[in-house]
């Protein structure tokens, strides 16, 4: 039973608990046992939440007493260690914040608990959520459960590894440039970066700036992503970007009032892309076409005119240096590699910053034009599959690029705030997951989830999980 429970999705677990086929206490214990068995190799979990079993027993008692329960009643969930969790340490991957215990939950954590979910654990990340691999001086490096010698991504890499390895059915991560979608692709799960502002960032560091930051759900199934998103979305009266009404229709299985129009690409300004990644995107396009969806190869001129990675670099250096400098002042000996690199980088001039903002506006205009003709864009999540730990450069099609090139396919949608989802659709020759990315117009998450749900049924790798024992 415990093996079945650890790879059941949150929707199924909730139904099992509601119908008394399993108790919340059994479910939570199964996941705690899984963490004990698997996490010594992955190092995905950094803190267990005290009282999870007690909360599960209380949930079972409420159900037995006939109480009205939420859609995730008794279901465990995990949270990236950048989200504030009341009474449970939130250490942000830094010795500077070791032992820090918040008084209140982040809005997204509170909403999960309000739906009946039980906080199980906090998961690993790079220092301050600031890199493409989850490693730091406080809690160390997370390993990919598919191959321990590879990265599980960043910055939500602990969360992605925990979910992929059956330690959690559902979790919360955040995304500045790649940090939900990249880790999901690296470990073969799904993640949604919704339209900027749809999920409040309240209770997640940094408070400012948060122009490019997003919070969102991570899970093994699209229906879990849709359920969690329906609970997370909407204003909270504190985050000024979160101003869209909370009502939401996931649209799973819905019949659109006209054929959905999907464009797909693997180039068009993206730079070099791994051949197996490109082939997986084309396979997803072919599968959708075979299912009756209108699909065609496209280009996006806006991506060819302005380099999103260069824009992001100019913009985020100016935005992120002040908060990082503030929290590390006097603690320079406790800083990890990438914070040091950020603070040592040249300041962005005002002129360059203005040019970056103008580039973002051109990108927004370009995607506005694209979504007049198409409902969805299908493209790679990352330019390469999960890579070896500590990679600083790699070569594709004879071009040597730095490690951050892996995010060339995700950064545009942080800059523009467009919703984007990552899901698995393929496998490398080395048995490593490959993901595809679905992007829709602003606030059109239901379109993404509708097509993602269809694509999930067509997937050649559905219900595949990392082999145990975990391999080097």
Protein backbone atom coordinates (compact mmCIF):
# COMPACT_ATOMS: atom_id res chain seq x y z
CA UNK A 1 0.00 0.00 0.00
CA UNK A 2 2.75 2.48 0.90
CA UNK A 3 4.37 2.11 -2.56
CA UNK A 4 1.02 2.71 -4.25
CA UNK A 5 0.37 5.76 -2.09
CA UNK A 6 3.72 7.39 -2.79
CA UNK A 7 3.13 7.33 -6.53
CA UNK A 8 -0.58 8.10 -6.46
CA UNK A 9 -1.26 11.69 -7.46
CA UNK A 10 -2.81 14.22 -5.08
CA UNK A 11 -6.23 14.00 -6.73
CA UNK A 12 -6.35 10.22 -6.24
CA UNK A 13 -5.01 10.47 -2.68
CA UNK A 14 -7.70 13.00 -1.78
CA UNK A 15 -10.36 10.66 -3.15
CA UNK A 16 -8.92 7.68 -1.26
CA UNK A 17 -9.02 9.67 1.97
CA UNK A 18 -12.54 11.02 1.36
CA UNK A 19 -13.89 7.53 0.66
CA UNK A 20 -12.01 6.01 3.64
CA UNK A 21 -9.97 3.68 1.43
CA UNK A 22 -6.88 5.16 3.04
CA UNK A 23 -6.37 7.37 6.04
CA UNK A 24 -4.44 10.62 5.96
CA UNK A 25 -2.17 9.18 8.65
CA UNK A 26 -1.33 6.22 6.38
CA UNK A 27 -0.61 8.54 3.48
CA UNK A 28 1.61 10.88 5.48
CA UNK A 29 3.49 7.97 7.07
CA UNK A 30 4.06 6.40 3.65
CA UNK A 31 5.64 9.62 2.40
CA UNK A 32 7.74 10.02 5.54
CA UNK A 33 8.99 6.46 5.05
CA UNK A 34 9.77 7.26 1.43
CA UNK A 35 11.75 10.36 2.45
CA UNK A 36 13.74 8.28 4.93
CA UNK A 37 14.51 5.69 2.27
CA UNK A 38 15.29 7.92 -0.71
CA UNK A 39 16.38 11.34 0.49
CA UNK A 40 19.83 10.34 1.78
CA UNK A 41 20.75 9.97 -1.90
CA UNK A 42 18.82 12.89 -3.41
CA UNK A 43 19.13 15.48 -0.61
CA UNK A 44 15.88 17.06 -1.78
CA UNK A 45 14.31 17.59 1.66
CA UNK A 46 15.91 20.08 4.05
CA UNK A 47 13.37 20.18 6.91
CA UNK A 48 10.51 17.93 8.01
CA UNK A 49 7.49 19.85 9.28
CA UNK A 50 6.86 19.03 12.93
CA UNK A 51 3.37 17.75 13.57
CA UNK A 52 2.53 16.43 10.10
CA UNK A 53 1.40 13.07 11.50
CA UNK A 54 -0.62 14.76 14.24
CA UNK A 55 -2.28 16.95 11.61
CA UNK A 56 -3.06 13.84 9.55
CA UNK A 57 -4.69 12.11 12.52
CA UNK A 58 -6.72 15.25 13.19
CA UNK A 59 -7.80 15.27 9.53
CA UNK A 60 -8.98 11.67 9.86
CA UNK A 61 -10.94 12.55 12.97
CA UNK A 62 -12.62 15.50 11.23
CA UNK A 63 -13.67 13.25 8.37
CA UNK A 64 -15.00 10.63 10.76
CA UNK A 65 -17.03 13.30 12.52
CA UNK A 66 -18.70 14.27 9.26
CA UNK A 67 -17.00 17.64 8.85
CA UNK A 68 -17.11 19.39 5.51
CA UNK A 69 -13.63 19.05 4.01
CA UNK A 70 -11.58 20.78 1.34
CA UNK A 71 -10.44 19.31 -1.98
CA UNK A 72 -7.00 18.37 -0.60
CA UNK A 73 -8.13 17.23 2.82
CA UNK A 74 -5.42 15.13 4.47
CA UNK A 75 -3.09 15.24 1.43
CA UNK A 76 0.60 15.98 2.17
CA UNK A 77 2.47 18.64 0.21
CA UNK A 78 5.98 20.04 0.18
CA UNK A 79 7.27 23.58 -0.26
CA UNK A 80 10.45 25.12 -1.59
CA UNK A 81 12.46 26.62 1.26
CA UNK A 82 12.01 30.19 0.02
CA UNK A 83 8.31 30.21 1.02
CA UNK A 84 7.52 31.32 4.57
CA UNK A 85 5.96 28.56 6.66
CA UNK A 86 4.60 29.42 10.10
CA UNK A 87 6.52 27.58 12.81
CA UNK A 88 8.70 25.70 10.29
CA UNK A 89 12.16 26.99 9.32
CA UNK A 90 12.48 28.95 6.08
CA UNK A 91 16.21 29.31 5.49
CA UNK A 92 16.41 30.41 1.83
CA UNK A 93 19.42 28.18 1.18
CA UNK A 94 21.76 30.40 3.19
CA UNK A 95 23.64 30.13 6.50
CA UNK A 96 22.63 33.76 7.02
CA UNK A 97 19.06 32.58 7.59
CA UNK A 98 19.83 29.29 9.35
CA UNK A 99 17.11 28.52 11.89
CA UNK A 100 14.87 31.39 10.75
CA UNK A 101 11.27 30.53 11.71
CA UNK A 102 8.50 32.72 10.23
CA UNK A 103 5.41 33.68 12.20
CA UNK A 104 3.06 33.41 9.22
CA UNK A 105 2.59 31.34 6.08
CA UNK A 106 3.15 32.66 2.59
CA UNK A 107 -0.21 33.25 0.87
CA UNK A 108 0.24 30.20 -1.35
CA UNK A 109 1.08 27.95 1.61
CA UNK A 110 -1.94 29.26 3.52
CA UNK A 111 -4.20 28.53 0.54
CA UNK A 112 -2.97 24.95 0.30
CA UNK A 113 -3.60 24.45 4.00
CA UNK A 114 -7.01 26.10 3.62
CA UNK A 115 -7.89 23.38 1.11
CA UNK A 116 -7.02 20.76 3.72
CA UNK A 117 -3.47 19.91 2.61
CA UNK A 118 -0.85 19.06 5.24
CA UNK A 119 2.64 20.55 5.11
CA UNK A 120 5.08 17.64 5.07
CA UNK A 121 8.50 19.18 4.42
CA UNK A 122 10.58 22.01 2.99
CA UNK A 123 12.79 21.36 -0.03
CA UNK A 124 16.21 22.44 -1.24
CA UNK A 125 17.16 25.34 -3.51
CA UNK A 126 20.16 27.43 -4.52
CA UNK A 127 21.07 30.31 -2.22
CA UNK A 128 18.23 32.88 -2.41
CA UNK A 129 16.65 30.85 -5.30
CA UNK A 130 19.34 32.28 -7.51
CA UNK A 131 20.81 29.73 -9.94
CA UNK A 132 19.98 26.86 -12.30
CA UNK A 133 21.23 24.17 -9.89
CA UNK A 134 20.07 23.57 -6.32
CA UNK A 135 23.21 23.80 -4.23
CA UNK A 136 24.19 26.01 -1.30
CA UNK A 137 26.46 26.27 1.75
CA UNK A 138 23.72 25.45 4.27
CA UNK A 139 21.97 22.32 3.01
CA UNK A 140 24.20 21.18 0.16
CA UNK A 141 23.44 19.88 -3.32
CA UNK A 142 20.33 18.09 -4.57
CA UNK A 143 20.79 15.13 -6.93
CA UNK A 144 18.48 14.12 -9.74
CA UNK A 145 16.61 10.90 -8.83
CA UNK A 146 16.96 9.67 -12.43
CA UNK A 147 20.76 9.91 -12.22
CA UNK A 148 22.43 11.11 -9.04
CA UNK A 149 25.35 12.53 -11.00
CA UNK A 150 23.05 15.04 -12.68
CA UNK A 151 21.35 18.20 -11.53
CA UNK A 152 17.66 18.31 -10.68
CA UNK A 153 17.64 21.93 -11.82
CA UNK A 154 17.18 25.22 -10.05
CA UNK A 155 15.93 26.95 -8.35
CA UNK A 156 13.04 24.62 -7.40
CA UNK A 157 15.28 21.57 -7.79
CA UNK A 158 14.65 20.11 -4.35
CA UNK A 159 10.93 20.28 -4.97
CA UNK A 160 11.18 18.66 -8.40
CA UNK A 161 13.39 15.84 -7.09
CA UNK A 162 11.11 15.16 -4.12
CA UNK A 163 8.01 14.87 -6.32
CA UNK A 164 9.74 12.80 -9.01
CA UNK A 165 11.06 10.33 -6.41
CA UNK A 166 7.68 9.82 -4.71
CA UNK A 167 8.51 11.77 -1.56
CA UNK A 168 5.65 14.20 -2.21
CA UNK A 169 2.62 14.20 -4.51
CA UNK A 170 2.37 17.98 -4.83
CA UNK A 171 4.45 21.03 -4.10
CA UNK A 172 5.10 24.74 -4.44
CA UNK A 173 8.01 26.35 -6.25
CA UNK A 174 8.97 29.76 -7.58
CA UNK A 175 10.35 30.95 -10.91
CA UNK A 176 12.55 33.93 -11.81
CA UNK A 177 13.81 32.73 -15.17
CA UNK A 178 13.49 28.92 -15.31
CA UNK A 179 13.00 27.80 -11.74
CA UNK A 180 9.67 25.94 -11.95
CA UNK A 181 9.76 24.68 -15.51
CA UNK A 182 13.44 23.74 -15.80
CA UNK A 183 13.55 21.53 -12.70
CA UNK A 184 10.26 19.91 -13.77
CA UNK A 185 11.78 19.07 -17.16
CA UNK A 186 14.98 17.77 -15.56
CA UNK A 187 13.09 15.32 -13.34
CA UNK A 188 10.12 14.40 -15.53
CA UNK A 189 7.28 16.10 -13.65
CA UNK A 190 4.96 19.02 -14.49
CA UNK A 191 5.00 22.64 -13.33
CA UNK A 192 3.00 25.77 -14.13
CA UNK A 193 4.29 29.33 -14.17
CA UNK A 194 1.00 31.18 -14.47
CA UNK A 195 0.50 34.71 -15.76
CA UNK A 196 2.53 37.12 -13.67
CA UNK A 197 0.51 38.11 -10.61
CA UNK A 198 -2.02 35.29 -10.81
CA UNK A 199 -0.43 33.61 -7.76
CA UNK A 200 0.55 36.15 -5.07
CA UNK A 201 4.22 36.29 -4.07
CA UNK A 202 3.39 37.40 -0.52
CA UNK A 203 5.65 35.63 1.99
CA UNK A 204 8.36 34.77 -0.55
CA UNK A 205 11.74 36.53 -0.59
CA UNK A 206 12.48 39.02 -2.06
CA UNK A 207 9.44 41.17 -1.47
CA UNK A 208 10.86 43.65 -3.96
CA UNK A 209 11.63 43.43 -6.78
CA UNK A 210 9.17 40.78 -7.96
CA UNK A 211 8.52 41.97 -11.50
CA UNK A 212 9.78 38.70 -13.02
CA UNK A 213 9.08 36.36 -10.08
CA UNK A 214 6.28 33.79 -10.13
CA UNK A 215 5.04 31.14 -7.70
CA UNK A 216 3.27 27.99 -8.83
CA UNK A 217 2.42 24.31 -8.41
CA UNK A 218 4.57 21.28 -9.21
CA UNK A 219 3.15 17.75 -9.52
CA UNK A 220 3.28 14.51 -11.49
CA UNK A 221 -0.06 14.97 -13.29
CA UNK A 222 -1.77 17.79 -15.14
CA UNK A 223 -4.99 17.36 -13.16
CA UNK A 224 -3.02 17.99 -9.95
CA UNK A 225 -1.48 21.12 -11.49
CA UNK A 226 -4.95 22.36 -12.46
CA UNK A 227 -6.41 21.62 -9.02
CA UNK A 228 -3.57 23.33 -7.16
CA UNK A 229 -3.63 26.32 -9.50
CA UNK A 230 -7.37 26.77 -8.98
CA UNK A 231 -6.64 27.07 -5.24
CA UNK A 232 -3.59 29.32 -5.55
CA UNK A 233 -4.78 31.91 -8.06
CA UNK A 234 -6.28 35.24 -7.10
CA UNK A 235 -5.54 38.45 -5.18
CA UNK A 236 -4.65 38.39 -1.50
CA UNK A 237 -4.92 42.08 -0.67
CA UNK A 238 -1.15 42.35 -0.19
CA UNK A 239 0.55 41.70 -3.54
CA UNK A 240 -0.21 44.61 -5.84
CA UNK A 241 0.49 42.54 -8.95
CA UNK A 242 -2.17 39.99 -7.95
CA UNK A 243 -5.22 41.87 -9.16
CA UNK A 244 -7.13 39.34 -11.32
CA UNK A 245 -10.32 37.87 -9.80
CA UNK A 246 -9.88 34.44 -8.25
CA UNK A 247 -12.53 32.58 -10.28
CA UNK A 248 -10.86 29.98 -12.48
CA UNK A 249 -11.89 27.14 -14.79
CA UNK A 250 -9.15 24.60 -15.45
CA UNK A 251 -10.88 23.53 -18.65
CA UNK A 252 -9.65 19.95 -18.45
CA UNK A 253 -11.48 17.87 -20.99
CA UNK A 254 -13.55 20.84 -22.14
CA UNK A 255 -14.54 21.15 -25.78
CA UNK A 256 -13.39 24.54 -27.10
CA UNK A 257 -15.91 26.53 -29.10
CA UNK A 258 -13.49 26.40 -32.05
CA UNK A 259 -10.39 24.35 -32.97
CA UNK A 260 -7.32 25.19 -30.89
CA UNK A 261 -4.48 26.60 -32.99
CA UNK A 262 -0.99 25.48 -31.92
CA UNK A 263 2.29 26.73 -33.31
CA UNK A 264 5.54 24.92 -32.54
CA UNK A 265 9.20 25.80 -32.88
CA UNK A 266 12.66 24.64 -31.87
CA UNK A 267 14.66 27.53 -33.28
CA UNK A 268 13.40 31.05 -34.11
CA UNK A 269 15.82 32.95 -31.90
CA UNK A 270 16.36 30.20 -29.33
CA UNK A 271 19.93 29.46 -30.33
CA UNK A 272 21.29 25.89 -30.40
CA UNK A 273 19.00 23.19 -28.96
CA UNK A 274 19.90 19.58 -28.17
CA UNK A 275 18.79 17.24 -30.96
CA UNK A 276 16.85 14.91 -28.65
CA UNK A 277 15.05 17.88 -27.11
CA UNK A 278 14.13 19.19 -30.57
CA UNK A 279 12.89 15.75 -31.64
CA UNK A 280 10.71 15.50 -28.54
CA UNK A 281 9.04 18.83 -29.28
CA UNK A 282 8.34 17.71 -32.85
CA UNK A 283 6.95 14.41 -31.53
CA UNK A 284 4.57 16.32 -29.26
CA UNK A 285 3.47 18.48 -32.21
CA UNK A 286 2.87 15.36 -34.31
CA UNK A 287 0.89 13.73 -31.49
CA UNK A 288 -1.39 16.74 -31.16
CA UNK A 289 -1.88 16.89 -34.91
CA UNK A 290 -2.77 13.20 -34.91
CA UNK A 291 -5.37 13.92 -32.23
CA UNK A 292 -7.09 16.46 -34.48
CA UNK A 293 -5.50 19.65 -33.17
CA UNK A 294 -4.52 22.29 -35.73
CA UNK A 295 -0.71 22.37 -35.49
CA UNK A 296 1.92 24.07 -37.66
CA UNK A 297 5.57 25.08 -37.48
CA UNK A 298 6.00 28.79 -36.73
CA UNK A 299 8.55 31.48 -36.06
CA UNK A 300 8.27 34.32 -33.57
CA UNK A 301 10.06 37.34 -35.05
CA UNK A 302 10.17 39.07 -31.66
CA UNK A 303 12.46 36.31 -30.35
CA UNK A 304 14.79 36.82 -33.29
CA UNK A 305 14.86 40.61 -33.00
CA UNK A 306 15.72 40.83 -29.28
CA UNK A 307 17.81 38.35 -27.27
CA UNK A 308 15.77 37.62 -24.13
CA UNK A 309 18.79 36.32 -22.19
CA UNK A 310 20.71 39.54 -22.79
CA UNK A 311 17.67 41.60 -21.82
CA UNK A 312 17.17 39.57 -18.67
CA UNK A 313 20.81 39.87 -17.64
CA UNK A 314 20.80 43.66 -17.97
CA UNK A 315 17.48 43.95 -16.15
CA UNK A 316 17.89 41.51 -13.28
CA UNK A 317 21.40 42.63 -12.28
CA UNK A 318 20.02 46.05 -11.46
CA UNK A 319 16.95 44.58 -9.77
CA UNK A 320 18.56 41.82 -7.69
CA UNK A 321 21.82 43.36 -6.50
CA UNK A 322 20.20 45.69 -3.90
CA UNK A 323 18.25 42.99 -1.97
CA UNK A 324 21.14 40.53 -2.11
CA UNK A 325 23.61 43.20 -0.99
CA UNK A 326 21.29 44.16 1.88
CA UNK A 327 20.86 40.65 3.33
CA UNK A 328 24.50 39.66 2.90
CA UNK A 329 26.06 42.82 4.36
CA UNK A 330 28.41 41.74 7.14
CA UNK A 331 27.98 38.07 6.16
CA UNK A 332 30.19 37.98 3.08
CA UNK A 333 31.97 34.85 4.36
CA UNK A 334 28.61 33.00 4.30
CA UNK A 335 27.81 33.74 0.66
CA UNK A 336 27.74 31.04 -2.00
CA UNK A 337 29.25 31.26 -5.48
CA UNK A 338 26.40 32.81 -7.43
CA UNK A 339 25.54 35.59 -5.00
CA UNK A 340 29.21 36.55 -5.05
CA UNK A 341 29.14 36.53 -8.84
CA UNK A 342 26.05 38.72 -8.90
CA UNK A 343 27.50 41.31 -6.53
CA UNK A 344 30.81 41.34 -8.42
CA UNK A 345 29.12 41.93 -11.78
CA UNK A 346 29.16 45.46 -13.27
CA UNK A 347 26.17 47.62 -12.48
CA UNK A 348 23.70 48.06 -15.32
CA UNK A 349 23.73 51.62 -16.58
CA UNK A 350 20.45 53.51 -16.63
CA UNK A 351 20.64 53.65 -20.42
CA UNK A 352 21.12 49.87 -20.66
CA UNK A 353 18.28 49.29 -18.21
CA UNK A 354 15.95 51.47 -20.25
CA UNK A 355 16.98 49.59 -23.40
CA UNK A 356 16.21 46.31 -21.63
CA UNK A 357 12.76 47.56 -20.67
CA UNK A 358 12.16 48.65 -24.25
CA UNK A 359 13.19 45.18 -25.40
CA UNK A 360 10.65 43.65 -23.03
CA UNK A 361 7.94 45.85 -24.50
CA UNK A 362 8.88 44.69 -27.99
CA UNK A 363 8.68 41.08 -26.82
CA UNK A 364 5.24 41.71 -25.35
CA UNK A 365 4.09 43.32 -28.58
CA UNK A 366 5.49 40.43 -30.59
CA UNK A 367 3.66 37.83 -28.52
CA UNK A 368 0.48 39.88 -28.64
CA UNK A 369 0.70 39.65 -32.42
CA UNK A 370 1.45 35.91 -32.26
CA UNK A 371 -1.59 35.19 -30.11
CA UNK A 372 -3.85 36.91 -32.61
CA UNK A 373 -3.17 33.94 -34.89
CA UNK A 374 -2.52 31.08 -32.46
CA UNK A 375 -3.84 29.92 -29.10
CA UNK A 376 -0.72 28.11 -27.95
CA UNK A 377 3.03 27.95 -28.51
CA UNK A 378 4.82 24.61 -28.15
CA UNK A 379 8.61 24.72 -27.70
CA UNK A 380 11.43 23.22 -25.61
CA UNK A 381 11.49 23.78 -21.86
CA UNK A 382 15.28 23.70 -21.67
CA UNK A 383 17.85 23.69 -24.44
CA UNK A 384 19.45 20.51 -23.03
CA UNK A 385 18.20 17.68 -20.77
CA UNK A 386 19.35 17.42 -17.15
CA UNK A 387 23.09 18.04 -17.11
CA UNK A 388 26.01 17.01 -14.93
CA UNK A 389 26.53 18.80 -11.62
CA UNK A 390 28.52 22.00 -11.73
CA UNK A 391 28.36 22.45 -15.49
CA UNK A 392 29.53 25.93 -16.53
CA UNK A 393 29.61 25.52 -20.33
CA UNK A 394 28.33 23.06 -22.91
CA UNK A 395 28.53 22.61 -26.67
CA UNK A 396 25.56 22.26 -29.04
CA UNK A 397 25.81 22.13 -32.84
CA UNK A 398 29.44 23.18 -32.58
CA UNK A 399 28.62 26.24 -30.47
CA UNK A 400 29.95 26.59 -26.93
CA UNK A 401 27.51 28.40 -24.65
CA UNK A 402 27.50 29.10 -20.94
CA UNK A 403 25.30 27.13 -18.57
CA UNK A 404 22.62 29.80 -18.35
CA UNK A 405 21.82 29.16 -22.03
CA UNK A 406 19.70 26.28 -20.69
CA UNK A 407 17.11 28.97 -19.84
CA UNK A 408 17.03 30.63 -23.28
CA UNK A 409 13.65 28.96 -23.85
CA UNK A 410 12.08 29.95 -20.52
CA UNK A 411 13.31 33.52 -19.86
CA UNK A 412 11.04 35.16 -22.47
CA UNK A 413 7.96 34.20 -20.48
CA UNK A 414 9.25 35.66 -17.23
CA UNK A 415 10.08 38.92 -18.97
CA UNK A 416 6.64 39.10 -20.57
CA UNK A 417 4.67 37.46 -17.75
CA UNK A 418 3.02 34.97 -20.10
CA UNK A 419 1.77 31.68 -18.62
CA UNK A 420 3.90 28.61 -19.39
CA UNK A 421 3.76 24.95 -18.40
CA UNK A 422 6.43 22.24 -18.44
CA UNK A 423 5.56 18.56 -18.83
CA UNK A 424 7.45 15.43 -19.80
CA UNK A 425 7.03 13.95 -23.27
CA UNK A 426 10.26 12.12 -24.01
CA UNK A 427 13.42 10.37 -22.83
CA UNK A 428 17.08 10.62 -23.81
CA UNK A 429 19.21 7.68 -24.88
CA UNK A 430 20.58 7.80 -21.31
CA UNK A 431 17.06 7.38 -19.83
CA UNK A 432 16.78 11.02 -18.69
CA UNK A 433 13.40 12.80 -19.00
CA UNK A 434 12.79 15.40 -21.70
CA UNK A 435 10.07 18.01 -21.31
CA UNK A 436 8.07 20.24 -23.60
CA UNK A 437 6.76 23.71 -22.83
CA UNK A 438 3.27 25.07 -23.57
CA UNK A 439 2.71 28.85 -23.58
CA UNK A 440 -0.58 30.72 -23.99
CA UNK A 441 -1.82 34.29 -23.99
CA UNK A 442 -1.99 36.23 -20.75
CA UNK A 443 -4.58 34.73 -18.34
CA UNK A 444 -5.26 31.81 -20.72
CA UNK A 445 -4.07 29.12 -18.32
CA UNK A 446 -7.18 27.07 -19.10
CA UNK A 447 -6.01 26.75 -22.72
CA UNK A 448 -2.62 25.47 -21.59
CA UNK A 449 -4.16 22.99 -19.17
CA UNK A 450 -6.70 21.74 -21.72
CA UNK A 451 -4.00 20.93 -24.29
CA UNK A 452 -1.58 19.65 -21.63
CA UNK A 453 -4.26 17.25 -20.41
CA UNK A 454 -4.71 15.97 -23.96
CA UNK A 455 -0.97 15.71 -24.52
CA UNK A 456 -0.63 13.76 -21.28
CA UNK A 457 -2.95 11.06 -22.65
CA UNK A 458 -0.78 10.87 -25.78
CA UNK A 459 2.53 10.74 -23.92
CA UNK A 460 4.81 7.78 -24.62
CA UNK A 461 6.33 8.12 -21.13
CA UNK A 462 3.25 8.44 -18.93
CA UNK A 463 3.57 6.93 -15.45
CA UNK A 464 7.32 6.32 -15.71
CA UNK A 465 9.25 6.95 -12.48
CA UNK A 466 12.91 6.83 -11.42
CA UNK A 467 14.16 3.30 -10.84
CA UNK A 468 15.10 2.22 -7.32
CA UNK A 469 17.70 1.89 -6.04
CA UNK A 470 18.64 5.32 -7.38
CA UNK A 471 21.61 5.10 -9.70
CA UNK A 472 24.87 6.96 -10.16
